[in-house]
Amino acid sequence: MFFESPAARETPIQPQSLTTAIVKVTQGEVSEAQIVHRLQELAPGDFLWELVLIEERVFRVDLPSVEDLRRLL
């Protein structure tokens, strides 16, 4: 799995909300499209997923709800 607890890393500039998560690619090569596709599978619905590159292989993403964040962790 490539998800990291939102409390484990600080994001620069913008504060995190309760529905902000950090996605970190730890093994292999994974495109942003692949990450979004996996997020859509884990939290289905019409939510518009937007990844924000924090550093190489690390992204910030806002989730639709706290429940979705809990399900992903």
Protein backbone atom coordinates (compact mmCIF):
# COMPACT_ATOMS: atom_id res chain seq x y z
CA MET A 1 0.00 0.00 0.00
CA PHE A 2 1.25 3.50 -0.65
CA PHE A 3 -0.65 5.58 1.91
CA GLU A 4 0.89 7.35 4.87
CA SER A 5 -0.81 8.74 7.94
CA PRO A 6 -1.55 12.46 7.51
CA ALA A 7 0.00 13.15 10.92
CA ALA A 8 3.30 11.52 9.97
CA ARG A 9 4.52 14.33 7.71
CA GLU A 10 3.97 18.05 7.62
CA THR A 11 3.06 19.68 4.31
CA PRO A 12 4.67 22.99 3.50
CA ILE A 13 2.74 26.27 3.17
CA GLN A 14 -0.86 25.08 3.54
CA PRO A 15 -2.18 23.61 6.78
CA GLN A 16 -3.80 20.19 6.62
CA SER A 17 -7.49 19.70 7.19
CA LEU A 18 -9.10 16.63 8.70
CA THR A 19 -9.56 15.27 5.19
CA THR A 20 -6.02 15.82 3.93
CA ALA A 21 -3.79 12.81 3.34
CA ILE A 22 -0.25 12.24 2.16
CA VAL A 23 0.33 9.68 -0.58
CA LYS A 24 3.90 8.43 -0.77
CA VAL A 25 5.12 6.08 -3.48
CA THR A 26 7.52 3.75 -1.68
CA GLN A 27 8.22 1.09 -4.28
CA GLY A 28 8.40 1.05 -8.04
CA GLU A 29 7.06 3.63 -10.43
CA VAL A 30 3.46 4.81 -10.07
CA SER A 31 1.94 7.59 -12.17
CA GLU A 32 -0.41 10.23 -10.83
CA ALA A 33 -3.16 8.68 -12.97
CA GLN A 34 -2.59 5.31 -11.29
CA ILE A 35 -2.78 6.91 -7.84
CA VAL A 36 -6.04 8.69 -8.72
CA HIS A 37 -7.47 5.45 -10.13
CA ARG A 38 -6.64 3.62 -6.89
CA LEU A 39 -8.18 6.43 -4.80
CA GLN A 40 -11.36 6.18 -6.91
CA GLU A 41 -11.51 2.46 -6.17
CA LEU A 42 -11.01 2.94 -2.42
CA ALA A 43 -13.41 5.89 -2.06
CA PRO A 44 -15.92 5.60 -4.91
CA GLY A 45 -18.11 8.47 -6.03
CA ASP A 46 -17.92 11.54 -8.23
CA PHE A 47 -15.21 13.26 -6.19
CA LEU A 48 -12.61 15.18 -8.22
CA TRP A 49 -9.23 13.92 -7.00
CA GLU A 50 -6.41 16.46 -7.16
CA LEU A 51 -2.90 15.43 -6.26
CA VAL A 52 -0.47 18.15 -5.19
CA LEU A 53 3.20 17.25 -5.59
CA ILE A 54 5.04 18.03 -2.34
CA GLU A 55 8.34 16.43 -3.26
CA GLU A 56 9.46 13.63 -5.52
CA ARG A 57 7.08 10.65 -5.09
CA VAL A 58 5.09 12.41 -2.32
CA PHE A 59 1.66 13.97 -2.89
CA ARG A 60 -0.95 15.74 -0.80
CA VAL A 61 -4.57 14.94 -1.56
CA ASP A 62 -7.85 16.12 -0.08
CA LEU A 63 -10.39 13.37 0.54
CA PRO A 64 -14.16 13.75 0.29
CA SER A 65 -14.78 12.93 3.97
CA VAL A 66 -13.17 11.92 7.25
CA GLU A 67 -14.76 8.48 6.83
CA ASP A 68 -12.94 8.03 3.52
CA LEU A 69 -9.65 8.99 5.18
CA ARG A 70 -10.21 6.45 7.95
CA ARG A 71 -11.03 3.75 5.40
CA LEU A 72 -7.81 4.46 3.50
CA LEU A 73 -5.62 4.30 6.59
